Amino acid sequence: MPFLQETDFEVQIRAWIKQIITQRKEDVGHKAELAAQAQMESYLRQRYDVKKIFSATDNDRDALIIMYMVDITIYHLHSNIGSDLIPDIRVIRFNAAIDWLKAVAKGDISPDLPEKEEPKEGEEGSGFQSTEFGSNKKYSERY
């Protein structure tokens, strides 16, 4: 199930413009959305639980995540027409989204997102390793 809903785009782009840039193909919009999600996850993964963030539905979804994901998705949809033809507002909003993601990744901004749970000791990925110290039994080689 996609994270974004059709109504999420209404705030930032008119329906007829979206139809033009998606070439009236549903899979084009879906692929751009998946690319935007993957791009966002790459910045958020270190500190936040991206599975929880992007599996949220309806009103449980974070408004900033929705806004920036729409910005990135629309930018990717415009990219197929050529970089010199992308509207300036799309470039500005895309750069703002990336700047926000970089600030979140660095820890300069702390959005209200579910944080990544640290694995418990002994679980895979916990970084805990057991080490044994000792040596072999000593043998004498004299006759």
N, C-alpha and C. Protein backbone atom coordinates (compact mmCIF):
# COMPACT_ATOMS: atom_id res chain seq x y z
N MET A 1 0.84 -1.19 0.00
CA MET A 1 0.00 0.00 0.00
C MET A 1 0.88 1.24 0.00
N PRO A 2 0.66 2.16 -0.91
CA PRO A 2 1.49 3.36 -0.98
C PRO A 2 1.31 4.24 0.25
N PHE A 3 2.38 4.95 0.60
CA PHE A 3 2.35 5.84 1.76
C PHE A 3 1.52 7.08 1.46
N LEU A 4 1.72 7.66 0.30
CA LEU A 4 1.00 8.88 -0.06
C LEU A 4 -0.38 8.54 -0.61
N GLN A 5 -1.31 9.45 -0.33
CA GLN A 5 -2.66 9.34 -0.87
C GLN A 5 -2.83 10.40 -1.96
N GLU A 6 -3.78 10.20 -2.81
CA GLU A 6 -4.02 11.13 -3.92
C GLU A 6 -4.31 12.54 -3.39
N THR A 7 -4.98 12.64 -2.26
CA THR A 7 -5.32 13.96 -1.71
C THR A 7 -4.10 14.69 -1.16
N ASP A 8 -3.01 14.00 -0.88
CA ASP A 8 -1.80 14.64 -0.38
C ASP A 8 -1.19 15.58 -1.41
N PHE A 9 -1.40 15.29 -2.67
CA PHE A 9 -0.82 16.10 -3.75
C PHE A 9 -1.61 17.38 -3.99
N GLU A 10 -2.88 17.42 -3.58
CA GLU A 10 -3.75 18.55 -3.89
C GLU A 10 -3.23 19.87 -3.34
N VAL A 11 -2.50 19.83 -2.24
CA VAL A 11 -1.99 21.04 -1.62
C VAL A 11 -0.89 21.68 -2.47
N GLN A 12 -0.11 20.86 -3.18
CA GLN A 12 1.07 21.36 -3.86
C GLN A 12 1.03 21.35 -5.38
N ILE A 13 0.09 20.63 -5.96
CA ILE A 13 0.03 20.57 -7.42
C ILE A 13 -1.42 20.32 -7.85
N ARG A 14 -1.80 20.94 -8.93
CA ARG A 14 -3.16 20.74 -9.44
C ARG A 14 -3.25 19.39 -10.13
N ALA A 15 -4.44 18.81 -10.04
CA ALA A 15 -4.65 17.45 -10.56
C ALA A 15 -4.32 17.36 -12.05
N TRP A 16 -4.70 18.35 -12.83
CA TRP A 16 -4.46 18.27 -14.27
C TRP A 16 -2.97 18.37 -14.61
N ILE A 17 -2.21 19.11 -13.80
CA ILE A 17 -0.76 19.18 -14.03
C ILE A 17 -0.12 17.84 -13.67
N LYS A 18 -0.60 17.25 -12.56
CA LYS A 18 -0.06 15.94 -12.17
C LYS A 18 -0.35 14.90 -13.24
N GLN A 19 -1.52 14.96 -13.86
CA GLN A 19 -1.83 14.02 -14.93
C GLN A 19 -0.89 14.20 -16.12
N ILE A 20 -0.52 15.44 -16.40
CA ILE A 20 0.38 15.69 -17.52
C ILE A 20 1.77 15.13 -17.23
N ILE A 21 2.30 15.39 -16.03
CA ILE A 21 3.66 14.95 -15.75
C ILE A 21 3.76 13.45 -15.48
N THR A 22 2.63 12.82 -15.15
CA THR A 22 2.65 11.35 -15.00
C THR A 22 2.27 10.67 -16.30
N GLN A 23 1.96 11.47 -17.32
CA GLN A 23 1.55 10.95 -18.63
C GLN A 23 0.30 10.09 -18.51
N ARG A 24 -0.50 10.40 -17.50
CA ARG A 24 -1.75 9.67 -17.21
C ARG A 24 -1.51 8.18 -16.95
N LYS A 25 -0.30 7.87 -16.49
CA LYS A 25 0.04 6.48 -16.17
C LYS A 25 0.23 6.38 -14.66
N GLU A 26 -0.53 5.51 -14.06
CA GLU A 26 -0.49 5.35 -12.60
C GLU A 26 0.86 4.82 -12.12
N ASP A 27 1.47 3.92 -12.90
CA ASP A 27 2.74 3.33 -12.46
C ASP A 27 3.88 4.34 -12.46
N VAL A 28 3.82 5.38 -13.30
CA VAL A 28 4.85 6.41 -13.31
C VAL A 28 4.86 7.16 -11.98
N GLY A 29 3.68 7.54 -11.51
CA GLY A 29 3.56 8.21 -10.22
C GLY A 29 3.99 7.31 -9.08
N HIS A 30 3.63 6.04 -9.18
CA HIS A 30 4.00 5.08 -8.13
C HIS A 30 5.51 4.89 -8.05
N LYS A 31 6.17 4.81 -9.20
CA LYS A 31 7.63 4.65 -9.22
C LYS A 31 8.32 5.89 -8.67
N ALA A 32 7.82 7.07 -8.98
CA ALA A 32 8.39 8.30 -8.45
C ALA A 32 8.22 8.36 -6.94
N GLU A 33 7.07 7.90 -6.45
CA GLU A 33 6.82 7.87 -5.00
C GLU A 33 7.77 6.89 -4.31
N LEU A 34 7.99 5.73 -4.90
CA LEU A 34 8.92 4.75 -4.32
C LEU A 34 10.35 5.29 -4.28
N ALA A 35 10.73 6.01 -5.33
CA ALA A 35 12.06 6.62 -5.37
C ALA A 35 12.19 7.68 -4.28
N ALA A 36 11.16 8.48 -4.10
CA ALA A 36 11.17 9.52 -3.06
C ALA A 36 11.26 8.89 -1.67
N GLN A 37 10.51 7.81 -1.46
CA GLN A 37 10.55 7.13 -0.17
C GLN A 37 11.92 6.55 0.11
N ALA A 38 12.52 5.91 -0.88
CA ALA A 38 13.86 5.34 -0.71
C ALA A 38 14.88 6.44 -0.41
N GLN A 39 14.73 7.56 -1.07
CA GLN A 39 15.64 8.68 -0.84
C GLN A 39 15.49 9.21 0.58
N MET A 40 14.27 9.33 1.05
CA MET A 40 14.03 9.80 2.42
C MET A 40 14.54 8.80 3.45
N GLU A 41 14.29 7.52 3.19
CA GLU A 41 14.74 6.49 4.13
C GLU A 41 16.25 6.50 4.28
N SER A 42 16.97 6.80 3.21
CA SER A 42 18.43 6.79 3.29
C SER A 42 18.95 7.84 4.27
N TYR A 43 18.22 8.92 4.44
CA TYR A 43 18.62 9.95 5.40
C TYR A 43 18.12 9.64 6.82
N LEU A 44 16.95 9.02 6.93
CA LEU A 44 16.31 8.82 8.22
C LEU A 44 16.69 7.52 8.92
N ARG A 45 17.19 6.55 8.17
CA ARG A 45 17.41 5.19 8.67
C ARG A 45 18.31 5.11 9.90
N GLN A 46 19.33 5.96 10.00
CA GLN A 46 20.28 5.88 11.11
C GLN A 46 19.63 6.13 12.46
N ARG A 47 18.69 7.07 12.52
CA ARG A 47 18.12 7.49 13.80
C ARG A 47 16.68 7.06 14.01
N TYR A 48 15.95 6.81 12.94
CA TYR A 48 14.51 6.60 13.06
C TYR A 48 14.08 5.26 12.46
N ASP A 49 12.96 4.76 12.96
CA ASP A 49 12.40 3.50 12.50
C ASP A 49 11.59 3.77 11.22
N VAL A 50 12.24 3.61 10.08
CA VAL A 50 11.60 3.96 8.81
C VAL A 50 10.42 3.04 8.49
N LYS A 51 10.44 1.81 8.99
CA LYS A 51 9.30 0.91 8.76
C LYS A 51 8.04 1.46 9.41
N LYS A 52 8.18 1.97 10.64
CA LYS A 52 7.03 2.54 11.33
C LYS A 52 6.59 3.84 10.67
N ILE A 53 7.55 4.65 10.26
CA ILE A 53 7.22 5.94 9.65
C ILE A 53 6.39 5.74 8.38
N PHE A 54 6.86 4.86 7.51
CA PHE A 54 6.22 4.71 6.20
C PHE A 54 5.13 3.64 6.15
N SER A 55 4.86 2.99 7.29
CA SER A 55 3.72 2.07 7.33
C SER A 55 2.53 2.72 8.02
N ALA A 56 2.70 3.94 8.53
CA ALA A 56 1.60 4.66 9.16
C ALA A 56 0.53 4.98 8.10
N THR A 57 -0.70 5.07 8.56
CA THR A 57 -1.80 5.34 7.63
C THR A 57 -2.62 6.54 8.11
N ASP A 58 -3.32 7.13 7.18
CA ASP A 58 -4.26 8.23 7.42
C ASP A 58 -3.68 9.32 8.32
N ASN A 59 -4.32 9.59 9.45
CA ASN A 59 -3.90 10.69 10.32
C ASN A 59 -2.70 10.36 11.19
N ASP A 60 -2.24 9.12 11.18
CA ASP A 60 -1.05 8.73 11.95
C ASP A 60 0.24 9.12 11.23
N ARG A 61 0.14 9.51 9.97
CA ARG A 61 1.31 9.90 9.19
C ARG A 61 1.79 11.28 9.62
N ASP A 62 3.10 11.48 9.62
CA ASP A 62 3.68 12.76 9.98
C ASP A 62 3.49 13.76 8.85
N ALA A 63 3.02 14.96 9.18
CA ALA A 63 2.71 15.98 8.17
C ALA A 63 3.95 16.44 7.42
N LEU A 64 5.08 16.58 8.11
CA LEU A 64 6.31 17.01 7.43
C LEU A 64 6.82 15.94 6.47
N ILE A 65 6.74 14.69 6.87
CA ILE A 65 7.15 13.59 6.00
C ILE A 65 6.29 13.61 4.74
N ILE A 66 4.98 13.80 4.91
CA ILE A 66 4.08 13.84 3.74
C ILE A 66 4.48 14.99 2.83
N MET A 67 4.65 16.19 3.41
CA MET A 67 4.95 17.36 2.60
C MET A 67 6.25 17.19 1.82
N TYR A 68 7.31 16.76 2.51
CA TYR A 68 8.59 16.62 1.83
C TYR A 68 8.60 15.45 0.84
N MET A 69 7.86 14.40 1.14
CA MET A 69 7.80 13.28 0.21
C MET A 69 7.05 13.69 -1.06
N VAL A 70 6.01 14.49 -0.92
CA VAL A 70 5.29 15.01 -2.10
C VAL A 70 6.23 15.89 -2.92
N ASP A 71 6.99 16.77 -2.24
CA ASP A 71 7.94 17.64 -2.95
C ASP A 71 8.95 16.83 -3.76
N ILE A 72 9.51 15.81 -3.13
CA ILE A 72 10.51 14.99 -3.80
C ILE A 72 9.88 14.19 -4.94
N THR A 73 8.69 13.66 -4.72
CA THR A 73 7.99 12.90 -5.75
C THR A 73 7.69 13.78 -6.97
N ILE A 74 7.17 14.98 -6.73
CA ILE A 74 6.85 15.88 -7.84
C ILE A 74 8.12 16.27 -8.60
N TYR A 75 9.20 16.49 -7.86
CA TYR A 75 10.47 16.82 -8.52
C TYR A 75 10.90 15.68 -9.44
N HIS A 76 10.82 14.45 -8.94
CA HIS A 76 11.20 13.30 -9.76
C HIS A 76 10.29 13.17 -10.99
N LEU A 77 9.01 13.47 -10.83
CA LEU A 77 8.10 13.41 -11.97
C LEU A 77 8.45 14.47 -13.02
N HIS A 78 8.86 15.64 -12.56
CA HIS A 78 9.25 16.70 -13.49
C HIS A 78 10.60 16.40 -14.17
N SER A 79 11.40 15.57 -13.55
CA SER A 79 12.75 15.31 -14.06
C SER A 79 12.75 14.70 -15.46
N ASN A 80 11.69 14.02 -15.83
CA ASN A 80 11.69 13.38 -17.16
C ASN A 80 11.47 14.36 -18.31
N ILE A 81 11.21 15.64 -17.99
CA ILE A 81 11.03 16.61 -19.06
C ILE A 81 12.30 17.40 -19.36
N GLY A 82 13.34 17.20 -18.57
CA GLY A 82 14.60 17.91 -18.78
C GLY A 82 14.84 18.90 -17.66
N SER A 83 16.08 18.95 -17.21
CA SER A 83 16.40 19.76 -16.04
C SER A 83 16.20 21.26 -16.24
N ASP A 84 16.36 21.74 -17.47
CA ASP A 84 16.19 23.18 -17.70
C ASP A 84 14.72 23.58 -17.80
N LEU A 85 13.80 22.61 -17.88
CA LEU A 85 12.38 22.90 -17.97
C LEU A 85 11.63 22.69 -16.65
N ILE A 86 12.32 22.21 -15.62
CA ILE A 86 11.68 22.00 -14.32
C ILE A 86 11.36 23.37 -13.73
N PRO A 87 10.12 23.58 -13.28
CA PRO A 87 9.77 24.87 -12.68
C PRO A 87 10.66 25.18 -11.47
N ASP A 88 11.02 26.45 -11.33
CA ASP A 88 11.91 26.86 -10.24
C ASP A 88 11.37 26.48 -8.87
N ILE A 89 10.05 26.58 -8.69
CA ILE A 89 9.47 26.27 -7.38
C ILE A 89 9.71 24.81 -7.02
N ARG A 90 9.71 23.93 -8.01
CA ARG A 90 9.96 22.50 -7.74
C ARG A 90 11.40 22.26 -7.31
N VAL A 91 12.34 22.96 -7.94
CA VAL A 91 13.75 22.84 -7.57
C VAL A 91 13.96 23.38 -6.17
N ILE A 92 13.36 24.53 -5.87
CA ILE A 92 13.50 25.14 -4.54
C ILE A 92 12.93 24.22 -3.47
N ARG A 93 11.74 23.69 -3.70
CA ARG A 93 11.10 22.82 -2.70
C ARG A 93 11.86 21.49 -2.56
N PHE A 94 12.39 20.97 -3.66
CA PHE A 94 13.19 19.74 -3.58
C PHE A 94 14.45 19.99 -2.74
N ASN A 95 15.14 21.09 -3.01
CA ASN A 95 16.35 21.42 -2.25
C ASN A 95 16.03 21.65 -0.77
N ALA A 96 14.88 22.26 -0.49
CA ALA A 96 14.47 22.46 0.91
C ALA A 96 14.23 21.11 1.59
N ALA A 97 13.62 20.18 0.88
CA ALA A 97 13.37 18.85 1.44
C ALA A 97 14.69 18.12 1.73
N ILE A 98 15.63 18.20 0.81
CA ILE A 98 16.92 17.53 1.00
C ILE A 98 17.69 18.20 2.15
N ASP A 99 17.65 19.52 2.23
CA ASP A 99 18.31 20.22 3.33
C ASP A 99 17.72 19.81 4.67
N TRP A 100 16.40 19.67 4.73
CA TRP A 100 15.73 19.23 5.96
C TRP A 100 16.18 17.82 6.33
N LEU A 101 16.21 16.93 5.35
CA LEU A 101 16.62 15.55 5.60
C LEU A 101 18.07 15.49 6.09
N LYS A 102 18.95 16.31 5.50
CA LYS A 102 20.34 16.33 5.95
C LYS A 102 20.45 16.83 7.39
N ALA A 103 19.67 17.85 7.73
CA ALA A 103 19.69 18.38 9.10
C ALA A 103 19.16 17.35 10.09
N VAL A 104 18.15 16.60 9.70
CA VAL A 104 17.61 15.54 10.56
C VAL A 104 18.65 14.44 10.74
N ALA A 105 19.30 14.06 9.65
CA ALA A 105 20.32 13.00 9.72
C ALA A 105 21.48 13.41 10.63
N LYS A 106 21.86 14.69 10.60
CA LYS A 106 22.96 15.17 11.44
C LYS A 106 22.55 15.34 12.89
N GLY A 107 21.25 15.44 13.14
CA GLY A 107 20.77 15.65 14.50
C GLY A 107 20.52 17.11 14.83
N ASP A 108 20.62 18.00 13.84
CA ASP A 108 20.34 19.42 14.06
C ASP A 108 18.85 19.67 14.27
N ILE A 109 18.03 18.84 13.67
CA ILE A 109 16.57 18.92 13.79
C ILE A 109 16.08 17.58 14.32
N SER A 110 15.14 17.63 15.26
CA SER A 110 14.59 16.39 15.83
C SER A 110 13.07 16.36 15.64
N PRO A 111 12.61 15.82 14.51
CA PRO A 111 11.17 15.73 14.30
C PRO A 111 10.55 14.68 15.21
N ASP A 112 9.24 14.76 15.35
CA ASP A 112 8.51 13.82 16.20
C ASP A 112 8.24 12.54 15.41
N LEU A 113 9.28 11.73 15.27
CA LEU A 113 9.20 10.47 14.53
C LEU A 113 9.58 9.33 15.45
N PRO A 114 9.10 8.12 15.19
CA PRO A 114 9.47 6.98 16.03
C PRO A 114 10.96 6.67 15.89
N GLU A 115 11.65 6.73 17.02
CA GLU A 115 13.09 6.47 16.99
C GLU A 115 13.38 5.00 16.85
N LYS A 116 14.53 4.71 16.30
CA LYS A 116 14.98 3.35 16.10
C LYS A 116 15.28 2.73 17.46
N GLU A 117 14.76 1.54 17.69
CA GLU A 117 15.01 0.86 18.95
C GLU A 117 16.36 0.16 18.88
N GLU A 118 17.14 0.34 19.93
CA GLU A 118 18.44 -0.32 19.99
C GLU A 118 18.22 -1.80 20.27
N PRO A 119 18.94 -2.68 19.57
CA PRO A 119 18.80 -4.11 19.84
C PRO A 119 19.30 -4.44 21.25
N LYS A 120 18.65 -5.41 21.86
CA LYS A 120 19.04 -5.83 23.20
C LYS A 120 20.33 -6.65 23.13
N GLU A 121 21.01 -6.71 24.26
CA GLU A 121 22.27 -7.43 24.33
C GLU A 121 22.07 -8.88 23.91
N GLY A 122 22.91 -9.34 23.02
CA GLY A 122 22.83 -10.72 22.54
C GLY A 122 22.04 -10.87 21.25
N GLU A 123 21.21 -9.87 20.92
CA GLU A 123 20.46 -9.93 19.66
C GLU A 123 21.36 -9.54 18.49
N GLU A 124 20.98 -9.98 17.33
CA GLU A 124 21.75 -9.63 16.14
C GLU A 124 21.74 -8.12 15.95
N GLY A 125 22.91 -7.57 15.68
CA GLY A 125 23.02 -6.14 15.47
C GLY A 125 23.23 -5.35 16.75
N SER A 126 23.33 -6.02 17.89
CA SER A 126 23.50 -5.29 19.15
C SER A 126 24.92 -4.81 19.34
N GLY A 127 25.87 -5.38 18.60
CA GLY A 127 27.27 -4.99 18.77
C GLY A 127 27.94 -5.72 19.92
N PHE A 128 27.17 -6.53 20.66
CA PHE A 128 27.73 -7.27 21.79
C PHE A 128 28.33 -8.57 21.27
N GLN A 129 29.58 -8.80 21.62
CA GLN A 129 30.24 -10.04 21.25
C GLN A 129 30.89 -10.62 22.50
N SER A 130 30.77 -11.92 22.63
CA SER A 130 31.43 -12.53 23.77
C SER A 130 32.84 -12.93 23.37
N THR A 131 33.77 -12.74 24.29
CA THR A 131 35.17 -13.06 24.04
C THR A 131 35.67 -13.94 25.16
N GLU A 132 36.34 -15.02 24.80
CA GLU A 132 36.94 -15.90 25.81
C GLU A 132 38.44 -15.74 25.77
N PHE A 133 39.02 -15.70 26.96
CA PHE A 133 40.47 -15.58 27.06
C PHE A 133 41.01 -16.90 27.60
N GLY A 134 42.21 -17.23 27.21
CA GLY A 134 42.84 -18.45 27.70
C GLY A 134 43.88 -18.94 26.71
N SER A 135 44.44 -20.08 27.01
CA SER A 135 45.43 -20.65 26.11
C SER A 135 45.28 -22.16 26.12
N ASN A 136 46.05 -22.80 25.25
CA ASN A 136 46.05 -24.26 25.20
C ASN A 136 46.78 -24.82 26.39
N LYS A 137 46.52 -26.10 26.68
CA LYS A 137 47.21 -26.78 27.76
C LYS A 137 48.71 -26.84 27.47
N LYS A 138 49.52 -26.60 28.48
CA LYS A 138 50.94 -26.58 28.31
C LYS A 138 51.49 -28.01 28.30
N TYR A 139 52.34 -28.32 27.31
CA TYR A 139 52.97 -29.63 27.21
C TYR A 139 54.48 -29.47 27.33
N SER A 140 55.09 -30.49 27.92
CA SER A 140 56.55 -30.48 28.01
C SER A 140 57.11 -31.38 26.92
N GLU A 141 58.12 -30.94 26.20
CA GLU A 141 58.72 -31.69 25.12
C GLU A 141 60.04 -32.33 25.54
N ARG A 142 60.37 -32.36 26.83
CA ARG A 142 61.62 -32.94 27.31
C ARG A 142 61.44 -34.43 27.61
N TYR A 143 62.56 -35.17 27.38
CA TYR A 143 62.54 -36.61 27.66
C TYR A 143 63.48 -36.95 28.76
